[in-house]
């Protein structure tokens, strides 16, 4: 019985000291500029999301621009839910949500992608 309790205590300590992912580390994974582009019937297009320390910009062609602030509201494994607020641009000013799926060095944003990183945001000093 003492052996069982000792092993149980060791396991409990081991599991409780495992590092948990924080919203800050999740935020760091999406920092930078991410691009998706293609060609549709001879017409080129692109979407480019930039996430930089709580601010976002969505640019595209045909001409598209949306800017505002974001915060991570939920994290489930490799999936993040972001709330977009203080927005202005083509899609209006209403607060909205997007889901981002992180897959190694690619992102799937709002079900579109994969987006590839084209520019990283420098880490804060």
C-alpha atoms as a PDB file:
ATOM      1  CA  UNK A   1       0.000   0.000   0.000  1.00  0.00           C
ATOM      2  CA  UNK A   2       2.876   2.383   0.826  1.00  0.00           C
ATOM      3  CA  UNK A   3       4.424   1.609  -2.571  1.00  0.00           C
ATOM      4  CA  UNK A   4       1.113   2.386  -4.295  1.00  0.00           C
ATOM      5  CA  UNK A   5       0.782   5.718  -2.468  1.00  0.00           C
ATOM      6  CA  UNK A   6       4.387   6.626  -3.271  1.00  0.00           C
ATOM      7  CA  UNK A   7       3.899   5.861  -6.974  1.00  0.00           C
ATOM      8  CA  UNK A   8       0.595   7.736  -7.000  1.00  0.00           C
ATOM      9  CA  UNK A   9       2.228  10.801  -5.426  1.00  0.00           C
ATOM     10  CA  UNK A  10       5.141  10.712  -7.910  1.00  0.00           C
ATOM     11  CA  UNK A  11       2.723  10.446 -10.835  1.00  0.00           C
ATOM     12  CA  UNK A  12       0.599  13.291  -9.481  1.00  0.00           C
ATOM     13  CA  UNK A  13       3.614  15.571  -9.081  1.00  0.00           C
ATOM     14  CA  UNK A  14       4.902  14.631 -12.522  1.00  0.00           C
ATOM     15  CA  UNK A  15       1.611  15.415 -14.259  1.00  0.00           C
ATOM     16  CA  UNK A  16       1.011  18.632 -12.388  1.00  0.00           C
ATOM     17  CA  UNK A  17       4.459  19.987 -13.242  1.00  0.00           C
ATOM     18  CA  UNK A  18       4.047  19.418 -16.996  1.00  0.00           C
ATOM     19  CA  UNK A  19       4.260  22.761 -18.786  1.00  0.00           C
ATOM     20  CA  UNK A  20       0.906  24.061 -19.941  1.00  0.00           C
ATOM     21  CA  UNK A  21       0.574  26.008 -23.175  1.00  0.00           C
ATOM     22  CA  UNK A  22      -0.375  29.561 -22.496  1.00  0.00           C
ATOM     23  CA  UNK A  23      -2.375  31.917 -24.660  1.00  0.00           C
ATOM     24  CA  UNK A  24       0.827  33.921 -24.923  1.00  0.00           C
ATOM     25  CA  UNK A  25       2.730  31.024 -26.542  1.00  0.00           C
ATOM     26  CA  UNK A  26      -0.250  30.352 -28.837  1.00  0.00           C
ATOM     27  CA  UNK A  27      -0.252  34.034 -29.771  1.00  0.00           C
ATOM     28  CA  UNK A  28       3.463  33.847 -30.551  1.00  0.00           C
ATOM     29  CA  UNK A  29       2.843  30.993 -33.012  1.00  0.00           C
ATOM     30  CA  UNK A  30       0.580  33.112 -35.220  1.00  0.00           C
ATOM     31  CA  UNK A  31       2.664  36.304 -35.169  1.00  0.00           C
ATOM     32  CA  UNK A  32       3.734  37.554 -38.580  1.00  0.00           C
ATOM     33  CA  UNK A  33       2.251  37.692 -42.062  1.00  0.00           C
ATOM     34  CA  UNK A  34       0.535  34.668 -43.643  1.00  0.00           C
ATOM     35  CA  UNK A  35      -0.339  34.433 -47.343  1.00  0.00           C
ATOM     36  CA  UNK A  36      -2.632  32.342 -49.507  1.00  0.00           C
ATOM     37  CA  UNK A  37      -2.712  32.983 -53.257  1.00  0.00           C
ATOM     38  CA  UNK A  38      -3.883  31.444 -56.466  1.00  0.00           C
ATOM     39  CA  UNK A  39      -5.239  31.867 -59.934  1.00  0.00           C
ATOM     40  CA  UNK A  40      -8.866  31.601 -60.967  1.00  0.00           C
ATOM     41  CA  UNK A  41      -9.536  31.519 -64.707  1.00  0.00           C
ATOM     42  CA  UNK A  42      -6.426  33.548 -65.495  1.00  0.00           C
ATOM     43  CA  UNK A  43      -7.042  36.061 -62.711  1.00  0.00           C
ATOM     44  CA  UNK A  44      -4.603  36.109 -59.800  1.00  0.00           C
ATOM     45  CA  UNK A  45      -5.805  36.614 -56.224  1.00  0.00           C
ATOM     46  CA  UNK A  46      -4.344  36.613 -52.717  1.00  0.00           C
ATOM     47  CA  UNK A  47      -5.292  36.883 -49.057  1.00  0.00           C
ATOM     48  CA  UNK A  48      -2.763  38.029 -46.488  1.00  0.00           C
ATOM     49  CA  UNK A  49      -3.339  38.023 -42.718  1.00  0.00           C
ATOM     50  CA  UNK A  50      -0.918  39.835 -40.409  1.00  0.00           C
ATOM     51  CA  UNK A  51      -1.060  39.270 -36.648  1.00  0.00           C
ATOM     52  CA  UNK A  52       1.124  41.569 -34.596  1.00  0.00           C
ATOM     53  CA  UNK A  53       0.826  41.821 -30.817  1.00  0.00           C
ATOM     54  CA  UNK A  54      -2.943  42.105 -30.553  1.00  0.00           C
ATOM     55  CA  UNK A  55      -3.504  43.864 -33.894  1.00  0.00           C
ATOM     56  CA  UNK A  56      -4.507  42.266 -37.185  1.00  0.00           C
ATOM     57  CA  UNK A  57      -4.670  43.288 -40.834  1.00  0.00           C
ATOM     58  CA  UNK A  58      -6.338  41.361 -43.644  1.00  0.00           C
ATOM     59  CA  UNK A  59      -5.345  42.426 -47.154  1.00  0.00           C
ATOM     60  CA  UNK A  60      -6.265  40.909 -50.456  1.00  0.00           C
ATOM     61  CA  UNK A  61      -6.640  41.197 -54.156  1.00  0.00           C
ATOM     62  CA  UNK A  62      -9.124  41.885 -55.640  1.00  0.00           C
ATOM     63  CA  UNK A  63      -8.807  44.883 -53.296  1.00  0.00           C
ATOM     64  CA  UNK A  64      -9.687  44.029 -49.717  1.00  0.00           C
ATOM     65  CA  UNK A  65      -8.675  45.613 -46.409  1.00  0.00           C
ATOM     66  CA  UNK A  66      -9.819  44.921 -42.853  1.00  0.00           C
ATOM     67  CA  UNK A  67      -7.972  46.023 -39.713  1.00  0.00           C
ATOM     68  CA  UNK A  68      -8.541  45.866 -36.001  1.00  0.00           C
ATOM     69  CA  UNK A  69      -7.584  44.217 -32.734  1.00  0.00           C
ATOM     70  CA  UNK A  70      -7.764  40.583 -31.666  1.00  0.00           C
ATOM     71  CA  UNK A  71      -7.623  38.441 -28.578  1.00  0.00           C
ATOM     72  CA  UNK A  72      -7.493  34.673 -28.175  1.00  0.00           C
ATOM     73  CA  UNK A  73     -10.697  33.533 -26.491  1.00  0.00           C
ATOM     74  CA  UNK A  74     -10.291  29.761 -26.713  1.00  0.00           C
ATOM     75  CA  UNK A  75      -7.544  27.201 -27.281  1.00  0.00           C
ATOM     76  CA  UNK A  76      -8.217  23.531 -28.056  1.00  0.00           C
ATOM     77  CA  UNK A  77      -5.139  21.590 -29.096  1.00  0.00           C
ATOM     78  CA  UNK A  78      -3.925  23.195 -32.314  1.00  0.00           C
ATOM     79  CA  UNK A  79      -7.125  25.246 -32.805  1.00  0.00           C
ATOM     80  CA  UNK A  80      -7.437  28.871 -31.669  1.00  0.00           C
ATOM     81  CA  UNK A  81     -10.560  30.997 -31.569  1.00  0.00           C
ATOM     82  CA  UNK A  82      -9.877  34.700 -31.963  1.00  0.00           C
ATOM     83  CA  UNK A  83     -12.254  37.542 -31.280  1.00  0.00           C
ATOM     84  CA  UNK A  84     -11.791  40.401 -33.754  1.00  0.00           C
ATOM     85  CA  UNK A  85     -12.899  43.806 -32.459  1.00  0.00           C
ATOM     86  CA  UNK A  86     -12.374  47.553 -33.031  1.00  0.00           C
ATOM     87  CA  UNK A  87     -12.568  46.734 -36.720  1.00  0.00           C
ATOM     88  CA  UNK A  88     -12.741  48.913 -39.811  1.00  0.00           C
ATOM     89  CA  UNK A  89     -12.703  48.014 -43.473  1.00  0.00           C
ATOM     90  CA  UNK A  90     -14.621  46.062 -46.110  1.00  0.00           C
ATOM     91  CA  UNK A  91     -16.401  43.824 -43.576  1.00  0.00           C
ATOM     92  CA  UNK A  92     -17.580  46.567 -41.229  1.00  0.00           C
ATOM     93  CA  UNK A  93     -17.030  47.293 -37.564  1.00  0.00           C
ATOM     94  CA  UNK A  94     -18.897  44.467 -35.801  1.00  0.00           C
ATOM     95  CA  UNK A  95     -17.016  42.206 -33.390  1.00  0.00           C
ATOM     96  CA  UNK A  96     -16.564  38.745 -34.939  1.00  0.00           C
ATOM     97  CA  UNK A  97     -14.757  35.463 -34.367  1.00  0.00           C
ATOM     98  CA  UNK A  98     -12.426  33.378 -36.497  1.00  0.00           C
ATOM     99  CA  UNK A  99     -10.883  29.950 -36.004  1.00  0.00           C
ATOM    100  CA  UNK A 100      -7.251  29.268 -36.771  1.00  0.00           C
ATOM    101  CA  UNK A 101      -5.796  25.786 -37.028  1.00  0.00           C
ATOM    102  CA  UNK A 102      -2.031  25.621 -36.579  1.00  0.00           C
ATOM    103  CA  UNK A 103      -0.302  22.881 -38.589  1.00  0.00           C
ATOM    104  CA  UNK A 104       3.471  23.108 -38.156  1.00  0.00           C
ATOM    105  CA  UNK A 105       4.478  26.104 -40.290  1.00  0.00           C
ATOM    106  CA  UNK A 106       1.046  26.638 -41.915  1.00  0.00           C
ATOM    107  CA  UNK A 107      -2.268  28.103 -40.765  1.00  0.00           C
ATOM    108  CA  UNK A 108      -5.817  27.368 -41.809  1.00  0.00           C
ATOM    109  CA  UNK A 109      -7.833  30.540 -41.184  1.00  0.00           C
ATOM    110  CA  UNK A 110     -11.649  30.567 -41.357  1.00  0.00           C
ATOM    111  CA  UNK A 111     -11.533  27.228 -43.178  1.00  0.00           C
ATOM    112  CA  UNK A 112      -9.253  28.613 -45.887  1.00  0.00           C
ATOM    113  CA  UNK A 113      -5.680  27.629 -46.512  1.00  0.00           C
ATOM    114  CA  UNK A 114      -3.108  26.547 -45.899  1.00  0.00           C
ATOM    115  CA  UNK A 115      -1.603  29.995 -45.400  1.00  0.00           C
ATOM    116  CA  UNK A 116       2.213  30.098 -45.469  1.00  0.00           C
ATOM    117  CA  UNK A 117       4.252  32.490 -43.329  1.00  0.00           C
ATOM    118  CA  UNK A 118       5.905  35.137 -45.475  1.00  0.00           C
ATOM    119  CA  UNK A 119       7.165  37.428 -42.726  1.00  0.00           C
ATOM    120  CA  UNK A 120       7.741  36.801 -39.046  1.00  0.00           C
ATOM    121  CA  UNK A 121       7.123  39.458 -36.415  1.00  0.00           C
ATOM    122  CA  UNK A 122      10.199  40.082 -34.285  1.00  0.00           C
ATOM    123  CA  UNK A 123       9.904  38.864 -30.694  1.00  0.00           C
ATOM    124  CA  UNK A 124       9.634  41.663 -28.109  1.00  0.00           C
ATOM    125  CA  UNK A 125      12.828  42.592 -26.291  1.00  0.00           C
END
